[in-house]
C-alpha atoms as a PDB file:
ATOM      1  CA  MET A   1     -21.384 -54.271   7.985  1.00  0.00           C
ATOM      2  CA  THR A   2     -18.758 -56.338   9.802  1.00  0.00           C
ATOM      3  CA  ILE A   3     -17.365 -55.354  13.211  1.00  0.00           C
ATOM      4  CA  PHE A   4     -13.994 -54.703  11.543  1.00  0.00           C
ATOM      5  CA  ARG A   5     -15.495 -52.344   8.967  1.00  0.00           C
ATOM      6  CA  ARG A   6     -17.500 -50.493  11.652  1.00  0.00           C
ATOM      7  CA  ALA A   7     -14.310 -49.945  13.645  1.00  0.00           C
ATOM      8  CA  LEU A   8     -12.497 -48.747  10.538  1.00  0.00           C
ATOM      9  CA  VAL A   9     -15.281 -46.269   9.722  1.00  0.00           C
ATOM     10  CA  ARG A  10     -15.274 -44.973  13.320  1.00  0.00           C
ATOM     11  CA  ARG A  11     -11.504 -44.442  13.226  1.00  0.00           C
ATOM     12  CA  THR A  12     -11.750 -42.659   9.877  1.00  0.00           C
ATOM     13  CA  LEU A  13     -14.517 -40.363  11.089  1.00  0.00           C
ATOM     14  CA  LEU A  14     -12.622 -39.666  14.305  1.00  0.00           C
ATOM     15  CA  GLY A  15      -9.498 -38.813  12.318  1.00  0.00           C
ATOM     16  CA  CYS A  16     -11.450 -36.398  10.121  1.00  0.00           C
ATOM     17  CA  ALA A  17     -13.010 -34.745  13.163  1.00  0.00           C
ATOM     18  CA  LEU A  18      -9.619 -34.305  14.809  1.00  0.00           C
ATOM     19  CA  ALA A  19      -8.147 -32.865  11.601  1.00  0.00           C
ATOM     20  CA  LEU A  20     -10.944 -30.303  11.449  1.00  0.00           C
ATOM     21  CA  ALA A  21     -10.732 -29.518  15.156  1.00  0.00           C
ATOM     22  CA  LEU A  22      -6.971 -28.911  15.337  1.00  0.00           C
ATOM     23  CA  PRO A  23      -6.913 -25.605  13.395  1.00  0.00           C
ATOM     24  CA  LEU A  24      -9.874 -24.346  15.431  1.00  0.00           C
ATOM     25  CA  ALA A  25      -8.216 -25.313  18.710  1.00  0.00           C
ATOM     26  CA  GLY A  26      -5.045 -23.543  17.616  1.00  0.00           C
ATOM     27  CA  ALA A  27      -7.033 -20.459  16.659  1.00  0.00           C
ATOM     28  CA  GLN A  28      -8.750 -20.380  20.056  1.00  0.00           C
ATOM     29  CA  THR A  29      -5.383 -20.202  21.835  1.00  0.00           C
ATOM     30  CA  TYR A  30      -3.866 -17.776  19.295  1.00  0.00           C
ATOM     31  CA  PRO A  31      -1.555 -16.057  19.865  1.00  0.00           C
ATOM     32  CA  ASN A  32       0.611 -17.893  22.383  1.00  0.00           C
ATOM     33  CA  LYS A  33       3.992 -16.596  21.189  1.00  0.00           C
ATOM     34  CA  PRO A  34       5.411 -13.402  19.618  1.00  0.00           C
ATOM     35  CA  ILE A  35       4.251 -12.395  16.137  1.00  0.00           C
ATOM     36  CA  ARG A  36       6.668 -11.317  13.391  1.00  0.00           C
ATOM     37  CA  VAL A  37       5.630  -8.556  11.001  1.00  0.00           C
ATOM     38  CA  LEU A  38       7.868  -8.237   7.964  1.00  0.00           C
ATOM     39  CA  VAL A  39       8.339  -4.976   6.082  1.00  0.00           C
ATOM     40  CA  GLY A  40       9.875  -4.934   2.619  1.00  0.00           C
ATOM     41  CA  TYR A  41      11.636  -1.606   3.092  1.00  0.00           C
ATOM     42  CA  ALA A  42      14.462  -0.226   5.208  1.00  0.00           C
ATOM     43  CA  ALA A  43      13.944   0.970   8.752  1.00  0.00           C
ATOM     44  CA  GLY A  44      13.030   4.633   9.025  1.00  0.00           C
ATOM     45  CA  GLY A  45      10.915   4.840   5.871  1.00  0.00           C
ATOM     46  CA  GLY A  46       7.201   5.514   5.642  1.00  0.00           C
ATOM     47  CA  VAL A  47       6.014   1.892   5.441  1.00  0.00           C
ATOM     48  CA  ASP A  48       8.313   0.948   8.318  1.00  0.00           C
ATOM     49  CA  ALA A  49       6.979   3.811  10.445  1.00  0.00           C
ATOM     50  CA  MET A  50       3.382   2.722   9.847  1.00  0.00           C
ATOM     51  CA  ALA A  51       4.212  -0.902  10.693  1.00  0.00           C
ATOM     52  CA  ARG A  52       5.857   0.142  13.952  1.00  0.00           C
ATOM     53  CA  MET A  53       2.871   2.277  14.916  1.00  0.00           C
ATOM     54  CA  LEU A  54       0.764  -0.829  14.576  1.00  0.00           C
ATOM     55  CA  SER A  55       3.208  -3.169  16.309  1.00  0.00           C
ATOM     56  CA  GLN A  56       3.467  -0.901  19.344  1.00  0.00           C
ATOM     57  CA  ARG A  57      -0.298  -0.944  19.916  1.00  0.00           C
ATOM     58  CA  LEU A  58      -1.317  -4.512  19.034  1.00  0.00           C
ATOM     59  CA  PRO A  59       0.277  -6.279  22.047  1.00  0.00           C
ATOM     60  CA  ALA A  60      -2.237  -4.639  24.413  1.00  0.00           C
ATOM     61  CA  LEU A  61      -5.021  -6.380  22.475  1.00  0.00           C
ATOM     62  CA  LEU A  62      -3.329  -9.648  21.527  1.00  0.00           C
ATOM     63  CA  GLY A  63      -1.349 -10.295  24.690  1.00  0.00           C
ATOM     64  CA  GLN A  64       1.851 -11.033  22.784  1.00  0.00           C
ATOM     65  CA  GLN A  65       4.806  -9.057  21.505  1.00  0.00           C
ATOM     66  CA  VAL A  66       4.637  -7.944  17.857  1.00  0.00           C
ATOM     67  CA  VAL A  67       8.105  -7.580  16.331  1.00  0.00           C
ATOM     68  CA  VAL A  68       8.825  -5.688  13.101  1.00  0.00           C
ATOM     69  CA  GLU A  69      11.508  -7.192  10.881  1.00  0.00           C
ATOM     70  CA  ASN A  70      12.892  -5.338   7.856  1.00  0.00           C
ATOM     71  CA  ARG A  71      13.703  -7.343   4.716  1.00  0.00           C
ATOM     72  CA  ALA A  72      14.360  -4.589   2.203  1.00  0.00           C
ATOM     73  CA  GLY A  73      14.745  -5.156  -1.513  1.00  0.00           C
ATOM     74  CA  ALA A  74      12.996  -5.626  -4.850  1.00  0.00           C
ATOM     75  CA  SER A  75      10.205  -3.161  -3.994  1.00  0.00           C
ATOM     76  CA  GLY A  76       8.963  -5.339  -1.165  1.00  0.00           C
ATOM     77  CA  VAL A  77       9.042  -8.634  -3.065  1.00  0.00           C
ATOM     78  CA  ILE A  78      11.815 -10.172  -0.920  1.00  0.00           C
ATOM     79  CA  ALA A  79       9.851  -9.759   2.316  1.00  0.00           C
ATOM     80  CA  ALA A  80       6.659 -10.862   0.600  1.00  0.00           C
ATOM     81  CA  ASP A  81       8.291 -14.073  -0.596  1.00  0.00           C
ATOM     82  CA  VAL A  82       9.452 -14.902   2.950  1.00  0.00           C
ATOM     83  CA  VAL A  83       5.951 -14.450   4.349  1.00  0.00           C
ATOM     84  CA  ALA A  84       4.291 -16.334   1.498  1.00  0.00           C
ATOM     85  CA  LYS A  85       6.456 -19.372   2.322  1.00  0.00           C
ATOM     86  CA  ALA A  86       5.945 -19.156   6.105  1.00  0.00           C
ATOM     87  CA  PRO A  87       3.615 -21.534   7.992  1.00  0.00           C
ATOM     88  CA  PRO A  88       0.014 -20.260   7.738  1.00  0.00           C
ATOM     89  CA  ASP A  89      -0.436 -19.958  11.496  1.00  0.00           C
ATOM     90  CA  GLY A  90      -0.684 -16.201  12.013  1.00  0.00           C
ATOM     91  CA  TYR A  91       2.785 -15.775  13.495  1.00  0.00           C
ATOM     92  CA  THR A  92       4.457 -14.374  10.359  1.00  0.00           C
ATOM     93  CA  LEU A  93       2.699 -11.436   8.715  1.00  0.00           C
ATOM     94  CA  LEU A  94       3.470  -8.822   6.074  1.00  0.00           C
ATOM     95  CA  VAL A  95       2.785  -5.123   5.964  1.00  0.00           C
ATOM     96  CA  GLY A  96       2.520  -4.730   2.220  1.00  0.00           C
ATOM     97  CA  GLU A  97       1.597  -1.787   0.065  1.00  0.00           C
ATOM     98  CA  SER A  98       0.390  -0.983  -3.421  1.00  0.00           C
ATOM     99  CA  GLY A  99       3.925  -1.097  -4.798  1.00  0.00           C
ATOM    100  CA  LEU A 100       3.953  -4.857  -4.215  1.00  0.00           C
ATOM    101  CA  LEU A 101       1.019  -5.281  -6.599  1.00  0.00           C
ATOM    102  CA  ILE A 102       2.980  -3.351  -9.215  1.00  0.00           C
ATOM    103  CA  ALA A 103       6.418  -4.906  -8.612  1.00  0.00           C
ATOM    104  CA  THR A 104       5.199  -8.444  -9.122  1.00  0.00           C
ATOM    105  CA  GLN A 105       3.947  -7.394 -12.579  1.00  0.00           C
ATOM    106  CA  LEU A 106       7.132  -5.599 -13.642  1.00  0.00           C
ATOM    107  CA  GLN A 107       9.876  -7.801 -12.198  1.00  0.00           C
ATOM    108  CA  ALA A 108      10.598 -10.746 -14.460  1.00  0.00           C
ATOM    109  CA  ARG A 109      12.004 -12.800 -11.571  1.00  0.00           C
ATOM    110  CA  ALA A 110       9.115 -12.146  -9.216  1.00  0.00           C
ATOM    111  CA  ASN A 111       7.486 -15.571  -9.097  1.00  0.00           C
ATOM    112  CA  LEU A 112       4.769 -14.390  -6.749  1.00  0.00           C
ATOM    113  CA  ASP A 113       1.082 -13.599  -7.148  1.00  0.00           C
ATOM    114  CA  PRO A 114      -0.015 -11.513  -4.136  1.00  0.00           C
ATOM    115  CA  LEU A 115      -3.663 -12.318  -4.799  1.00  0.00           C
ATOM    116  CA  LYS A 116      -3.001 -16.055  -4.418  1.00  0.00           C
ATOM    117  CA  ALA A 117      -0.031 -16.155  -2.037  1.00  0.00           C
ATOM    118  CA  PHE A 118      -1.700 -14.310   0.835  1.00  0.00           C
ATOM    119  CA  THR A 119      -4.795 -14.177   2.955  1.00  0.00           C
ATOM    120  CA  PRO A 120      -5.824 -10.521   3.405  1.00  0.00           C
ATOM    121  CA  VAL A 121      -6.114  -9.546   7.080  1.00  0.00           C
ATOM    122  CA  ALA A 122      -6.854  -5.818   7.157  1.00  0.00           C
ATOM    123  CA  GLY A 123      -6.495  -2.588   5.238  1.00  0.00           C
ATOM    124  CA  LEU A 124      -4.278  -0.222   7.243  1.00  0.00           C
ATOM    125  CA  PHE A 125      -3.539   3.208   5.764  1.00  0.00           C
ATOM    126  CA  HIS A 126      -3.698   5.381   2.676  1.00  0.00           C
ATOM    127  CA  ALA A 127      -0.622   7.523   2.009  1.00  0.00           C
ATOM    128  CA  PRO A 128      -1.803  10.409  -0.230  1.00  0.00           C
ATOM    129  CA  LEU A 129       0.389  11.678  -3.038  1.00  0.00           C
ATOM    130  CA  MET A 130       0.578  15.215  -4.330  1.00  0.00           C
ATOM    131  CA  ILE A 131       1.454  16.825  -7.643  1.00  0.00           C
ATOM    132  CA  VAL A 132       3.720  19.792  -7.009  1.00  0.00           C
ATOM    133  CA  ALA A 133       5.017  22.389  -9.452  1.00  0.00           C
ATOM    134  CA  GLY A 134       7.638  25.064  -9.540  1.00  0.00           C
ATOM    135  CA  ASN A 135       6.332  28.595  -9.034  1.00  0.00           C
ATOM    136  CA  ASN A 136       7.128  29.412 -12.673  1.00  0.00           C
ATOM    137  CA  VAL A 137       4.641  26.801 -13.964  1.00  0.00           C
ATOM    138  CA  PRO A 138       1.498  28.696 -15.078  1.00  0.00           C
ATOM    139  CA  ALA A 139      -1.041  26.440 -13.359  1.00  0.00           C
ATOM    140  CA  ALA A 140      -2.481  26.485  -9.842  1.00  0.00           C
ATOM    141  CA  THR A 141      -5.371  24.002 -10.005  1.00  0.00           C
ATOM    142  CA  PRO A 142      -5.936  20.497 -11.415  1.00  0.00           C
ATOM    143  CA  LYS A 143      -8.029  21.926 -14.268  1.00  0.00           C
ATOM    144  CA  GLU A 144      -5.369  24.467 -15.177  1.00  0.00           C
ATOM    145  CA  LEU A 145      -2.636  21.832 -15.051  1.00  0.00           C
ATOM    146  CA  ILE A 146      -4.470  19.459 -17.382  1.00  0.00           C
ATOM    147  CA  GLY A 147      -5.261  22.311 -19.767  1.00  0.00           C
ATOM    148  CA  LEU A 148      -1.600  23.357 -19.760  1.00  0.00           C
ATOM    149  CA  LEU A 149      -0.373  19.831 -20.483  1.00  0.00           C
ATOM    150  CA  LYS A 150      -2.911  19.319 -23.269  1.00  0.00           C
ATOM    151  CA  ALA A 151      -1.895  22.586 -24.922  1.00  0.00           C
ATOM    152  CA  ASN A 152       1.826  21.770 -24.711  1.00  0.00           C
ATOM    153  CA  PRO A 153       2.400  18.087 -25.552  1.00  0.00           C
ATOM    154  CA  GLY A 154       5.942  16.988 -24.752  1.00  0.00           C
ATOM    155  CA  LYS A 155       6.994  20.356 -23.352  1.00  0.00           C
ATOM    156  CA  PHE A 156       6.740  19.419 -19.681  1.00  0.00           C
ATOM    157  CA  SER A 157       8.320  16.674 -17.590  1.00  0.00           C
ATOM    158  CA  TYR A 158       7.587  15.229 -14.181  1.00  0.00           C
ATOM    159  CA  ALA A 159       9.757  13.585 -11.537  1.00  0.00           C
ATOM    160  CA  THR A 160       8.944  10.588  -9.328  1.00  0.00           C
ATOM    161  CA  SER A 161      10.866   8.322  -6.988  1.00  0.00           C
ATOM    162  CA  GLY A 162      11.360   5.710  -9.700  1.00  0.00           C
ATOM    163  CA  VAL A 163      10.014   3.616 -12.555  1.00  0.00           C
ATOM    164  CA  GLY A 164       7.173   1.351 -11.490  1.00  0.00           C
ATOM    165  CA  THR A 165       6.362   3.222  -8.285  1.00  0.00           C
ATOM    166  CA  VAL A 166       2.809   4.190  -7.399  1.00  0.00           C
ATOM    167  CA  HIS A 167       3.894   7.796  -7.974  1.00  0.00           C
ATOM    168  CA  HIS A 168       4.934   6.934 -11.538  1.00  0.00           C
ATOM    169  CA  LEU A 169       1.932   4.798 -12.444  1.00  0.00           C
ATOM    170  CA  GLY A 170      -0.478   7.236 -10.821  1.00  0.00           C
ATOM    171  CA  PHE A 171       0.714  10.082 -13.046  1.00  0.00           C
ATOM    172  CA  GLU A 172       0.692   7.746 -16.058  1.00  0.00           C
ATOM    173  CA  MET A 173      -2.923   6.934 -15.220  1.00  0.00           C
ATOM    174  CA  MET A 174      -3.688  10.644 -15.290  1.00  0.00           C
ATOM    175  CA  LYS A 175      -1.913  10.960 -18.653  1.00  0.00           C
ATOM    176  CA  ALA A 176      -3.935   8.074 -20.083  1.00  0.00           C
ATOM    177  CA  LYS A 177      -7.202   9.606 -18.912  1.00  0.00           C
ATOM    178  CA  THR A 178      -6.375  13.071 -20.268  1.00  0.00           C
ATOM    179  CA  GLY A 179      -4.536  12.133 -23.458  1.00  0.00           C
ATOM    180  CA  THR A 180      -1.503  14.204 -22.469  1.00  0.00           C
ATOM    181  CA  PHE A 181       2.176  13.555 -23.148  1.00  0.00           C
ATOM    182  CA  VAL A 182       4.578  14.387 -20.309  1.00  0.00           C
ATOM    183  CA  LEU A 183       8.110  13.003 -20.003  1.00  0.00           C
ATOM    184  CA  HIS A 184       8.858  10.927 -16.903  1.00  0.00           C
ATOM    185  CA  ILE A 185      12.146  11.549 -15.082  1.00  0.00           C
ATOM    186  CA  PRO A 186      12.856   8.942 -12.369  1.00  0.00           C
ATOM    187  CA  TYR A 187      14.696  10.085  -9.236  1.00  0.00           C
ATOM    188  CA  ARG A 188      15.734   8.239  -6.097  1.00  0.00           C
ATOM    189  CA  GLY A 189      13.374  10.005  -3.727  1.00  0.00           C
ATOM    190  CA  ALA A 190      11.626  13.203  -2.659  1.00  0.00           C
ATOM    191  CA  ALA A 191      14.829  14.582  -1.148  1.00  0.00           C
ATOM    192  CA  GLN A 192      16.288  14.805  -4.647  1.00  0.00           C
ATOM    193  CA  ILE A 193      13.064  15.817  -6.404  1.00  0.00           C
ATOM    194  CA  MET A 194      12.205  18.848  -4.288  1.00  0.00           C
ATOM    195  CA  PRO A 195      15.291  20.993  -4.987  1.00  0.00           C
ATOM    196  CA  ASP A 196      14.938  20.438  -8.732  1.00  0.00           C
ATOM    197  CA  VAL A 197      11.239  21.357  -8.763  1.00  0.00           C
ATOM    198  CA  ILE A 198      11.959  24.456  -6.687  1.00  0.00           C
ATOM    199  CA  SER A 199      14.817  25.519  -8.966  1.00  0.00           C
ATOM    200  CA  GLY A 200      12.878  24.784 -12.138  1.00  0.00           C
ATOM    201  CA  GLN A 201      15.146  21.952 -13.312  1.00  0.00           C
ATOM    202  CA  VAL A 202      12.017  19.797 -13.584  1.00  0.00           C
ATOM    203  CA  PRO A 203       8.581  21.486 -13.767  1.00  0.00           C
ATOM    204  CA  LEU A 204       6.473  18.897 -11.934  1.00  0.00           C
ATOM    205  CA  GLY A 205       6.912  16.278  -9.256  1.00  0.00           C
ATOM    206  CA  VAL A 206       4.828  13.568  -7.621  1.00  0.00           C
ATOM    207  CA  VAL A 207       5.724  13.250  -3.944  1.00  0.00           C
ATOM    208  CA  SER A 208       4.135  12.292  -0.657  1.00  0.00           C
ATOM    209  CA  ALA A 209       1.616  14.857   0.511  1.00  0.00           C
ATOM    210  CA  SER A 210       3.552  15.484   3.712  1.00  0.00           C
ATOM    211  CA  ALA A 211       6.772  16.218   1.794  1.00  0.00           C
ATOM    212  CA  GLY A 212       4.934  18.456  -0.664  1.00  0.00           C
ATOM    213  CA  MET A 213       3.112  20.490   1.970  1.00  0.00           C
ATOM    214  CA  SER A 214       6.257  21.272   3.939  1.00  0.00           C
ATOM    215  CA  GLN A 215       7.636  23.121   0.902  1.00  0.00           C
ATOM    216  CA  ALA A 216       4.322  24.521  -0.349  1.00  0.00           C
ATOM    217  CA  LYS A 217       3.627  26.222   2.981  1.00  0.00           C
ATOM    218  CA  SER A 218       6.937  28.029   2.721  1.00  0.00           C
ATOM    219  CA  GLY A 219       5.986  29.245  -0.761  1.00  0.00           C
ATOM    220  CA  ARG A 220       8.966  27.576  -2.424  1.00  0.00           C
ATOM    221  CA  LEU A 221       6.733  25.552  -4.739  1.00  0.00           C
ATOM    222  CA  ARG A 222       3.041  25.077  -5.517  1.00  0.00           C
ATOM    223  CA  ALA A 223       0.822  22.226  -4.327  1.00  0.00           C
ATOM    224  CA  ILE A 224      -1.428  21.726  -7.352  1.00  0.00           C
ATOM    225  CA  ALA A 225      -3.396  18.552  -6.679  1.00  0.00           C
ATOM    226  CA  MET A 226      -3.931  15.633  -4.343  1.00  0.00           C
ATOM    227  CA  MET A 227      -4.052  12.403  -6.331  1.00  0.00           C
ATOM    228  CA  SER A 228      -6.627  10.902  -3.963  1.00  0.00           C
ATOM    229  CA  THR A 229      -9.843  12.183  -2.443  1.00  0.00           C
ATOM    230  CA  GLY A 230      -9.040  11.511   1.222  1.00  0.00           C
ATOM    231  CA  LYS A 231      -8.364  14.577   3.320  1.00  0.00           C
ATOM    232  CA  LEU A 232      -4.988  14.715   5.042  1.00  0.00           C
ATOM    233  CA  ALA A 233      -4.550  16.966   8.051  1.00  0.00           C
ATOM    234  CA  GLY A 234      -2.614  20.036   6.982  1.00  0.00           C
ATOM    235  CA  ALA A 235      -3.475  19.635   3.302  1.00  0.00           C
ATOM    236  CA  GLU A 236      -7.251  20.110   3.418  1.00  0.00           C
ATOM    237  CA  ASN A 237      -7.123  23.113   1.085  1.00  0.00           C
ATOM    238  CA  VAL A 238      -5.231  21.354  -1.703  1.00  0.00           C
ATOM    239  CA  PRO A 239      -7.777  20.382  -4.405  1.00  0.00           C
ATOM    240  CA  ALA A 240      -8.172  16.776  -5.499  1.00  0.00           C
ATOM    241  CA  LEU A 241      -7.288  15.748  -9.030  1.00  0.00           C
ATOM    242  CA  ALA A 242     -10.810  14.316  -9.082  1.00  0.00           C
ATOM    243  CA  ASP A 243     -12.098  17.904  -9.273  1.00  0.00           C
ATOM    244  CA  ALA A 244     -10.976  17.880 -12.902  1.00  0.00           C
ATOM    245  CA  LEU A 245     -11.085  14.098 -13.448  1.00  0.00           C
ATOM    246  CA  PRO A 246     -14.215  12.767 -11.726  1.00  0.00           C
ATOM    247  CA  GLY A 247     -13.620   9.385 -10.124  1.00  0.00           C
ATOM    248  CA  PHE A 248      -9.824   9.650 -10.061  1.00  0.00           C
ATOM    249  CA  ASP A 249      -8.682   8.342  -6.681  1.00  0.00           C
ATOM    250  CA  MET A 250      -5.184   6.933  -6.420  1.00  0.00           C
ATOM    251  CA  ALA A 251      -2.993   6.606  -3.350  1.00  0.00           C
ATOM    252  CA  PRO A 252      -0.538   4.020  -2.054  1.00  0.00           C
ATOM    253  CA  ARG A 253      -2.452   1.663   0.253  1.00  0.00           C
ATOM    254  CA  LEU A 254      -0.936  -0.294   3.111  1.00  0.00           C
ATOM    255  CA  PHE A 255      -2.394  -3.625   4.156  1.00  0.00           C
ATOM    256  CA  LEU A 256      -1.706  -6.506   6.525  1.00  0.00           C
ATOM    257  CA  LEU A 257      -1.355  -9.936   4.924  1.00  0.00           C
ATOM    258  CA  ALA A 258      -0.920 -13.492   6.196  1.00  0.00           C
ATOM    259  CA  PRO A 259       0.214 -16.579   4.258  1.00  0.00           C
ATOM    260  CA  ALA A 260      -2.509 -18.225   2.191  1.00  0.00           C
ATOM    261  CA  GLY A 261      -4.336 -20.867   4.198  1.00  0.00           C
ATOM    262  CA  THR A 262      -4.215 -19.055   7.538  1.00  0.00           C
ATOM    263  CA  PRO A 263      -7.265 -20.188   9.575  1.00  0.00           C
ATOM    264  CA  GLN A 264     -10.168 -17.763   9.372  1.00  0.00           C
ATOM    265  CA  PRO A 265     -10.551 -17.444  13.191  1.00  0.00           C
ATOM    266  CA  VAL A 266      -6.911 -16.285  13.375  1.00  0.00           C
ATOM    267  CA  VAL A 267      -7.462 -13.811  10.533  1.00  0.00           C
ATOM    268  CA  ASP A 268     -10.617 -12.506  12.196  1.00  0.00           C
ATOM    269  CA  LYS A 269      -8.887 -12.029  15.546  1.00  0.00           C
ATOM    270  CA  LEU A 270      -6.027 -10.109  13.951  1.00  0.00           C
ATOM    271  CA  SER A 271      -8.390  -8.033  11.843  1.00  0.00           C
ATOM    272  CA  GLU A 272     -10.505  -7.029  14.828  1.00  0.00           C
ATOM    273  CA  ALA A 273      -7.402  -6.020  16.787  1.00  0.00           C
ATOM    274  CA  VAL A 274      -6.224  -3.875  13.858  1.00  0.00           C
ATOM    275  CA  ARG A 275      -9.664  -2.278  13.559  1.00  0.00           C
ATOM    276  CA  THR A 276      -9.537  -1.269  17.231  1.00  0.00           C
ATOM    277  CA  VAL A 277      -6.030   0.165  16.920  1.00  0.00           C
ATOM    278  CA  LEU A 278      -6.827   2.186  13.790  1.00  0.00           C
ATOM    279  CA  ALA A 279      -9.904   3.686  15.442  1.00  0.00           C
ATOM    280  CA  SER A 280      -7.846   5.341  18.192  1.00  0.00           C
ATOM    281  CA  ALA A 281      -7.436   9.124  18.048  1.00  0.00           C
ATOM    282  CA  ASP A 282      -3.771   9.050  19.019  1.00  0.00           C
ATOM    283  CA  LEU A 283      -2.922   6.782  16.107  1.00  0.00           C
ATOM    284  CA  ALA A 284      -4.732   9.062  13.651  1.00  0.00           C
ATOM    285  CA  GLN A 285      -2.625  11.973  14.882  1.00  0.00           C
ATOM    286  CA  ALA A 286       0.607   9.985  14.679  1.00  0.00           C
ATOM    287  CA  ALA A 287      -0.281   8.761  11.174  1.00  0.00           C
ATOM    288  CA  ALA A 288      -1.019  12.306   9.975  1.00  0.00           C
ATOM    289  CA  GLN A 289       2.488  13.346  11.006  1.00  0.00           C
ATOM    290  CA  GLN A 290       3.767  10.644   8.658  1.00  0.00           C
ATOM    291  CA  GLY A 291       1.443  11.759   5.862  1.00  0.00           C
ATOM    292  CA  ALA A 292      -0.957   8.828   6.187  1.00  0.00           C
ATOM    293  CA  ILE A 293      -4.662   8.323   6.855  1.00  0.00           C
ATOM    294  CA  PRO A 294      -5.967   5.304   8.827  1.00  0.00           C
ATOM    295  CA  ALA A 295      -8.184   3.293   6.466  1.00  0.00           C
ATOM    296  CA  PHE A 296      -9.336   0.027   8.021  1.00  0.00           C
ATOM    297  CA  MET A 297     -10.763  -2.557   5.660  1.00  0.00           C
ATOM    298  CA  ALA A 298     -12.043  -6.001   6.644  1.00  0.00           C
ATOM    299  CA  PRO A 299     -10.559  -9.136   5.002  1.00  0.00           C
ATOM    300  CA  GLY A 300     -13.297  -9.693   2.415  1.00  0.00           C
ATOM    301  CA  PRO A 301     -13.490  -6.116   1.110  1.00  0.00           C
ATOM    302  CA  LEU A 302      -9.687  -5.901   1.191  1.00  0.00           C
ATOM    303  CA  ALA A 303      -9.371  -8.977  -1.038  1.00  0.00           C
ATOM    304  CA  ALA A 304     -11.753  -7.397  -3.543  1.00  0.00           C
ATOM    305  CA  ASP A 305      -9.950  -4.043  -3.359  1.00  0.00           C
ATOM    306  CA  MET A 306      -6.545  -5.646  -3.946  1.00  0.00           C
ATOM    307  CA  ALA A 307      -7.906  -7.503  -6.976  1.00  0.00           C
ATOM    308  CA  ARG A 308      -9.381  -4.282  -8.381  1.00  0.00           C
ATOM    309  CA  GLU A 309      -6.206  -2.296  -7.749  1.00  0.00           C
ATOM    310  CA  SER A 310      -4.013  -4.991  -9.261  1.00  0.00           C
ATOM    311  CA  ALA A 311      -6.177  -5.020 -12.405  1.00  0.00           C
ATOM    312  CA  ASP A 312      -5.894  -1.211 -12.635  1.00  0.00           C
ATOM    313  CA  TRP A 313      -2.093  -1.373 -12.458  1.00  0.00           C
ATOM    314  CA  ILE A 314      -1.898  -4.139 -15.070  1.00  0.00           C
ATOM    315  CA  LYS A 315      -4.090  -2.074 -17.378  1.00  0.00           C
ATOM    316  CA  ILE A 316      -1.972   1.062 -17.079  1.00  0.00           C
ATOM    317  CA  ILE A 317       1.312  -0.880 -17.385  1.00  0.00           C
ATOM    318  CA  LYS A 318       0.124  -2.333 -20.692  1.00  0.00           C
ATOM    319  CA  ALA A 319      -1.490   0.855 -21.987  1.00  0.00           C
ATOM    320  CA  GLN A 320       1.543   3.031 -21.289  1.00  0.00           C
ATOM    321  CA  LYS A 321       4.071   0.289 -22.185  1.00  0.00           C
ATOM    322  CA  ILE A 322       5.899   0.607 -18.861  1.00  0.00           C
ATOM    323  CA  ALA A 323       8.902  -1.626 -18.267  1.00  0.00           C
ATOM    324  CA  VAL A 324      11.720  -1.782 -15.738  1.00  0.00           C
ATOM    325  CA  GLU A 325      15.072  -1.723 -17.550  1.00  0.00           C
END
């Protein structure tokens, strides 16, 4: 080999080594500036509240400010698109939720695949949903409700916060598993659903567990079933739908995502900080007040869980012929 070729090989190898070392060096000094966390919903909502709980506690572990930025619209897709296109350096993150996995399947203009566009960082919370009924509905347990719906196809209706929400698809999943026919009536939120369930305008509703319990405790309506198996403080006595449908476990899940290609050491550092925060007793209490349960999940298991959940939503969307008009 000539002297010239040896020098060329050395320079090439040195360049490759530097290219490999740069991301690691950056990860070792991460973070050295504030971190942005985008939320795809308006300030004051449930997802926003959970993101702010996290952002207030992470700086003590990361040594940098964590700023929440709201980019509401398109069921979280607008914020997700911003993060997906951000530099994969760990300084722009997304608090996403199950609705994002649904929205990207239902919105024709959503040119985004959450399973490919992001690197999962950590599972954050589960936000249990509850099936509530007016006091004139002759059912008090999951088994009685399913029996009632089977015996009266098309007679009953249920309200949710909109077409394509987790609330909607969760109930549709129950319908598919039980062979029942119940008319869906989309509303704009629990604030509008509750009065109509209480008055009997609509027999059933799917709402957040915290919203449902506040009315059930007053006796104004009946809390029939939790749609997930996790126990929420204050709703421990409400039976799970799984009591009548073994294996049924559906709840909106919140997760922290980074742009695809984010260095693994950065992901690991963020994930470990989140794990520490979610393990604190004060956060569990604060989350319960918002109707959520801390549910940490490491990056690898979270990636698998998102893929499984996405496949479940696709299946139910096709089976029940759900479309956003």
